Amino acid sequence: MSFSMSGKPRGLALCICFAACCAAIPLIVCFVSSPAYALREIKREELPPPATPAADGDISPPGSTVPMPNPVGTPPPTSQPVPPAESEPDSPADGGVTRPRVDPDTPVPEVVYDLGKLPEPVRRMHDLIVEACKGGDIEKLRPLIGQGDSMTQISLTDIDGDAIAFLKGLSSDPDGQEILAILEEVLNAGYVHLDAGKPEELYVWPYFFALPLDKLDAKQRVELFKIVTAGDFDDMKQFGAYIFYRVGITPSGQWTFFVAGD
């Protein structure tokens, strides 16, 4: 049996090739993976740094505008309501002088019955009004009431239309004779002289206008009941003052008011 020597070199060469291939595989893998690894490193270096949150906790998205403060000198907005304008004090046209003058801190004014103590203009106006009332014709009051700014105040509120027609409307009868009787009775009572020497000086009938009702004596209550009823008196005591019809005349003889209520 003979053996060929040609198989040994061929087998050896195959072994050497196989070993070389095995040794080259890791090298090839390294060369292939190196570019990918380098590419990852390059991309990672090109990425922008992560945004850090603001110190005050602002999480507004990037690019949002920040509100600017008001310019220097601009007053800050306010929601406080504007205070209402102060009301003006009462004037004679608003009924201020017609309100009862009962002040517990001031002395009670003197009650006067003597018409001779009145200034002549005041006494003349008083007598003219009484004379018109006695005659029973309410039209006789028209020239005494006057018109315009000097017109006698006959209501605590504004009136529409004719003054005499308004007075008739206050009366229970169509001719206004009840209101004439009340007016005469008021002027037959005693009177008080108020604010002597002042611009608002007045002579006022009846004197209950300026006296506390709880201080009236028996005689004075009888005089009061000539004008009002006992029921009216009780109502006025609860109110705290006389609020039935009263008449005011200035020292110059102007008939200022003839009103009731408050």
Protein backbone atom coordinates (compact mmCIF):
# COMPACT_ATOMS: atom_id res chain seq x y z
CA MET A 1 0.00 0.00 0.00
CA SER A 2 1.45 3.23 -1.04
CA PHE A 3 0.50 6.80 0.34
CA SER A 4 0.58 10.16 -1.66
CA MET A 5 2.47 13.04 0.01
CA SER A 6 0.53 15.63 -2.00
CA GLY A 7 -2.43 15.61 0.55
CA LYS A 8 -0.40 16.90 3.50
CA PRO A 9 0.57 20.25 2.03
CA ARG A 10 -2.99 20.81 0.78
CA GLY A 11 -4.44 20.09 4.21
CA LEU A 12 -1.93 22.34 5.88
CA ALA A 13 -2.74 25.17 3.54
CA LEU A 14 -6.42 24.80 4.30
CA CYS A 15 -5.73 24.96 8.01
CA ILE A 16 -3.64 28.10 7.61
CA CYS A 17 -6.36 29.79 5.52
CA PHE A 18 -9.00 28.88 8.03
CA ALA A 19 -6.95 30.30 10.89
CA ALA A 20 -6.28 33.51 8.94
CA CYS A 21 -9.97 33.98 8.29
CA CYS A 22 -10.80 33.53 11.91
CA ALA A 23 -8.23 36.07 12.88
CA ALA A 24 -9.48 38.59 10.33
CA ILE A 25 -13.14 38.47 11.40
CA PRO A 26 -12.69 40.58 14.60
CA LEU A 27 -10.62 43.06 12.70
CA ILE A 28 -13.24 43.44 10.02
CA VAL A 29 -15.95 43.85 12.67
CA CYS A 30 -13.93 46.54 14.40
CA PHE A 31 -13.38 48.42 11.16
CA VAL A 32 -17.07 48.16 10.27
CA SER A 33 -18.32 49.31 13.71
CA SER A 34 -15.87 52.17 14.10
CA PRO A 35 -17.64 54.55 11.69
CA ALA A 36 -21.02 53.99 13.43
CA TYR A 37 -19.48 54.62 16.83
CA ALA A 38 -17.79 57.79 15.57
CA LEU A 39 -21.09 58.96 14.02
CA ARG A 40 -22.87 58.59 17.36
CA GLU A 41 -20.17 60.61 19.07
CA ILE A 42 -20.39 63.40 16.47
CA LYS A 43 -24.20 63.62 16.73
CA ARG A 44 -24.01 63.67 20.49
CA GLU A 45 -21.54 66.59 20.43
CA GLU A 46 -23.76 68.57 18.03
CA LEU A 47 -26.86 68.33 20.23
CA PRO A 48 -27.66 71.59 22.14
CA PRO A 49 -27.23 71.53 25.89
CA PRO A 50 -30.37 70.66 27.86
CA ALA A 51 -32.39 73.68 28.97
CA THR A 52 -32.18 74.49 32.65
CA PRO A 53 -35.34 75.69 34.40
CA ALA A 54 -35.45 79.33 35.46
CA ALA A 55 -34.67 80.17 39.04
CA ASP A 56 -38.21 81.57 39.68
CA GLY A 57 -39.90 78.38 38.49
CA ASP A 58 -41.10 79.84 35.17
CA ILE A 59 -42.13 77.01 32.88
CA SER A 60 -43.23 79.13 29.94
CA PRO A 61 -42.49 77.57 26.55
CA PRO A 62 -39.43 78.89 24.67
CA GLY A 63 -40.13 82.00 22.67
CA SER A 64 -43.00 83.22 24.84
CA THR A 65 -42.92 86.95 25.54
CA VAL A 66 -42.39 88.28 29.01
CA PRO A 67 -44.83 91.09 30.05
CA MET A 68 -43.04 94.36 30.55
CA PRO A 69 -43.70 96.61 33.56
CA ASN A 70 -45.67 99.85 33.19
CA PRO A 71 -43.62 102.85 32.06
CA VAL A 72 -42.24 105.05 34.77
CA GLY A 73 -44.85 107.53 35.95
CA THR A 74 -47.86 105.43 34.89
CA PRO A 75 -50.28 105.19 37.84
CA PRO A 76 -51.19 101.62 38.79
CA PRO A 77 -54.73 100.51 37.94
CA THR A 78 -57.25 100.72 40.75
CA SER A 79 -60.59 99.07 41.29
CA GLN A 80 -61.71 101.33 44.12
CA PRO A 81 -65.05 103.06 43.41
CA VAL A 82 -65.11 106.80 42.97
CA PRO A 83 -66.57 108.34 46.14
CA PRO A 84 -69.96 109.98 45.57
CA ALA A 85 -70.15 113.72 45.56
CA GLU A 86 -71.07 115.20 48.89
CA SER A 87 -74.67 116.30 49.12
CA GLU A 88 -75.29 119.97 49.48
CA PRO A 89 -76.98 121.27 52.62
CA ASP A 90 -80.67 121.92 52.59
CA SER A 91 -81.81 125.21 51.11
CA PRO A 92 -85.18 126.93 51.60
CA ALA A 93 -86.25 125.59 48.20
CA ASP A 94 -85.54 122.04 49.45
CA GLY A 95 -87.80 122.50 52.45
CA GLY A 96 -84.98 122.99 54.98
CA VAL A 97 -86.57 126.00 56.72
CA THR A 98 -89.96 124.27 56.82
CA ARG A 99 -88.76 121.40 58.99
CA PRO A 100 -89.65 121.38 62.68
CA ARG A 101 -87.14 123.22 64.85
CA VAL A 102 -87.04 120.99 67.90
CA ASP A 103 -83.57 120.90 69.45
CA PRO A 104 -83.27 119.50 72.98
CA ASP A 105 -79.90 121.21 73.39
CA THR A 106 -81.25 124.73 72.87
CA PRO A 107 -83.60 126.75 75.06
CA VAL A 108 -87.31 126.60 74.18
CA PRO A 109 -88.24 129.78 72.30
CA GLU A 110 -90.77 132.20 73.75
CA VAL A 111 -94.39 131.63 72.72
CA VAL A 112 -95.95 134.95 71.67
CA TYR A 113 -99.65 135.75 71.18
CA ASP A 114 -99.47 139.51 70.87
CA LEU A 115 -99.61 140.43 67.17
CA GLY A 116 -98.58 143.96 68.10
CA LYS A 117 -95.05 142.69 68.69
CA LEU A 118 -94.73 141.72 65.04
CA PRO A 119 -92.86 143.96 62.59
CA GLU A 120 -95.37 145.90 60.46
CA PRO A 121 -94.67 143.92 57.20
CA VAL A 122 -95.17 140.63 59.05
CA ARG A 123 -98.37 141.75 60.73
CA ARG A 124 -99.79 143.08 57.45
CA MET A 125 -99.18 139.78 55.64
CA HIS A 126 -100.66 137.86 58.57
CA ASP A 127 -103.83 139.96 58.51
CA LEU A 128 -104.22 139.71 54.73
CA ILE A 129 -104.06 135.92 54.85
CA VAL A 130 -106.58 135.73 57.70
CA GLU A 131 -108.92 138.11 55.89
CA ALA A 132 -108.80 135.97 52.74
CA CYS A 133 -109.55 132.85 54.79
CA LYS A 134 -112.53 134.45 56.53
CA GLY A 135 -114.01 135.46 53.18
CA GLY A 136 -114.15 131.83 52.06
CA ASP A 137 -112.77 132.54 48.57
CA ILE A 138 -109.49 130.71 48.05
CA GLU A 139 -108.73 132.86 44.98
CA LYS A 140 -108.03 135.72 47.38
CA LEU A 141 -104.83 133.90 48.32
CA ARG A 142 -103.42 134.07 44.78
CA PRO A 143 -101.82 137.55 44.99
CA LEU A 144 -100.44 136.71 48.46
CA ILE A 145 -98.82 133.49 47.27
CA GLY A 146 -97.16 135.26 44.35
CA GLN A 147 -95.25 133.50 41.60
CA GLY A 148 -91.74 132.76 40.36
CA ASP A 149 -88.81 132.60 42.74
CA SER A 150 -90.70 134.50 45.46
CA MET A 151 -93.72 132.19 45.34
CA THR A 152 -94.91 130.75 48.66
CA GLN A 153 -93.85 127.15 49.15
CA ILE A 154 -97.05 125.11 49.45
CA SER A 155 -95.56 121.62 49.21
CA LEU A 156 -92.43 119.84 50.36
CA THR A 157 -92.05 118.59 46.80
CA ASP A 158 -92.40 120.28 43.43
CA ILE A 159 -95.94 120.85 42.22
CA ASP A 160 -97.31 120.75 38.71
CA GLY A 161 -99.85 123.27 37.54
CA ASP A 162 -101.63 126.08 39.31
CA ALA A 163 -100.95 126.80 43.00
CA ILE A 164 -104.59 127.52 43.89
CA ALA A 165 -105.71 124.34 42.12
CA PHE A 166 -103.12 122.45 44.18
CA LEU A 167 -104.49 123.90 47.44
CA LYS A 168 -108.03 122.97 46.41
CA GLY A 169 -106.80 119.44 45.87
CA LEU A 170 -105.62 119.32 49.51
CA SER A 171 -109.11 120.17 50.72
CA SER A 172 -111.93 117.66 51.23
CA ASP A 173 -114.39 120.04 49.60
CA PRO A 174 -114.22 121.20 45.96
CA ASP A 175 -113.89 124.90 46.80
CA GLY A 176 -110.91 124.59 49.16
CA GLN A 177 -112.75 125.99 52.15
CA GLU A 178 -111.47 123.28 54.49
CA ILE A 179 -107.90 124.27 53.75
CA LEU A 180 -108.85 127.92 54.38
CA ALA A 181 -110.22 126.97 57.80
CA ILE A 182 -107.00 125.13 58.67
CA LEU A 183 -104.87 128.07 57.52
CA GLU A 184 -106.90 130.53 59.61
CA GLU A 185 -106.74 128.30 62.69
CA VAL A 186 -102.97 127.98 62.36
CA LEU A 187 -102.56 131.78 62.19
CA ASN A 188 -104.81 132.26 65.24
CA ALA A 189 -102.41 130.23 67.41
CA GLY A 190 -99.38 131.67 69.13
CA TYR A 191 -96.16 132.11 67.17
CA VAL A 192 -92.39 131.93 67.68
CA HIS A 193 -89.63 134.22 66.48
CA LEU A 194 -86.70 132.15 65.20
CA ASP A 195 -83.09 133.04 64.26
CA ALA A 196 -83.42 136.70 65.14
CA GLY A 197 -80.89 138.88 63.32
CA LYS A 198 -79.83 136.10 60.95
CA PRO A 199 -80.52 135.79 57.21
CA GLU A 200 -82.92 132.90 57.93
CA GLU A 201 -84.93 134.89 60.50
CA LEU A 202 -88.60 133.83 60.54
CA TYR A 203 -91.90 134.20 62.34
CA VAL A 204 -93.63 130.83 62.43
CA TRP A 205 -97.20 129.73 63.31
CA PRO A 206 -98.16 127.69 65.27
CA TYR A 207 -95.56 127.74 68.01
CA PHE A 208 -95.70 123.91 68.27
CA PHE A 209 -93.31 124.01 65.33
CA ALA A 210 -90.44 124.75 67.72
CA LEU A 211 -91.56 123.14 70.99
CA PRO A 212 -91.03 119.54 72.14
CA LEU A 213 -94.46 117.92 72.22
CA ASP A 214 -93.73 116.06 75.46
CA LYS A 215 -93.22 119.40 77.22
CA LEU A 216 -96.58 120.92 76.32
CA ASP A 217 -98.72 121.80 79.34
CA ALA A 218 -102.49 121.21 79.58
CA LYS A 219 -103.39 124.65 78.16
CA GLN A 220 -101.05 124.21 75.22
CA ARG A 221 -102.45 120.75 74.43
CA VAL A 222 -105.95 122.25 74.28
CA GLU A 223 -104.65 124.80 71.77
CA LEU A 224 -103.03 122.01 69.78
CA PHE A 225 -106.30 120.04 69.63
CA LYS A 226 -107.93 122.99 67.90
CA ILE A 227 -105.68 122.17 64.95
CA VAL A 228 -105.13 118.39 65.10
CA THR A 229 -106.93 115.38 66.58
CA ALA A 230 -105.76 113.33 69.55
CA GLY A 231 -104.81 110.55 67.14
CA ASP A 232 -102.67 112.98 65.12
CA PHE A 233 -101.05 114.10 68.35
CA ASP A 234 -100.08 110.51 69.25
CA ASP A 235 -98.59 109.98 65.78
CA MET A 236 -96.57 113.19 66.03
CA LYS A 237 -95.25 112.22 69.46
CA GLN A 238 -93.87 109.04 67.93
CA PHE A 239 -92.27 111.10 65.18
CA GLY A 240 -90.88 113.54 67.75
CA ALA A 241 -92.17 116.85 66.41
CA TYR A 242 -95.19 118.77 65.16
CA ILE A 243 -95.56 118.05 61.44
CA PHE A 244 -99.01 119.41 60.62
CA TYR A 245 -99.60 122.65 58.68
CA ARG A 246 -97.39 125.62 59.55
CA VAL A 247 -96.85 129.12 58.17
CA GLY A 248 -93.62 131.09 57.91
CA ILE A 249 -93.29 134.82 57.21
CA THR A 250 -90.00 136.73 56.88
CA PRO A 251 -89.35 140.07 58.66
CA SER A 252 -89.88 141.79 55.30
CA GLY A 253 -93.41 140.38 55.07
CA GLN A 254 -92.83 137.62 52.50
CA TRP A 255 -95.07 134.60 53.00
CA THR A 256 -92.41 131.90 52.80
CA PHE A 257 -94.28 128.63 53.28
CA PHE A 258 -97.54 126.90 54.11
CA VAL A 259 -96.82 123.16 54.26
CA ALA A 260 -97.50 119.97 56.19
CA GLY A 261 -95.48 116.82 56.65
CA ASP A 262 -91.71 116.27 56.81
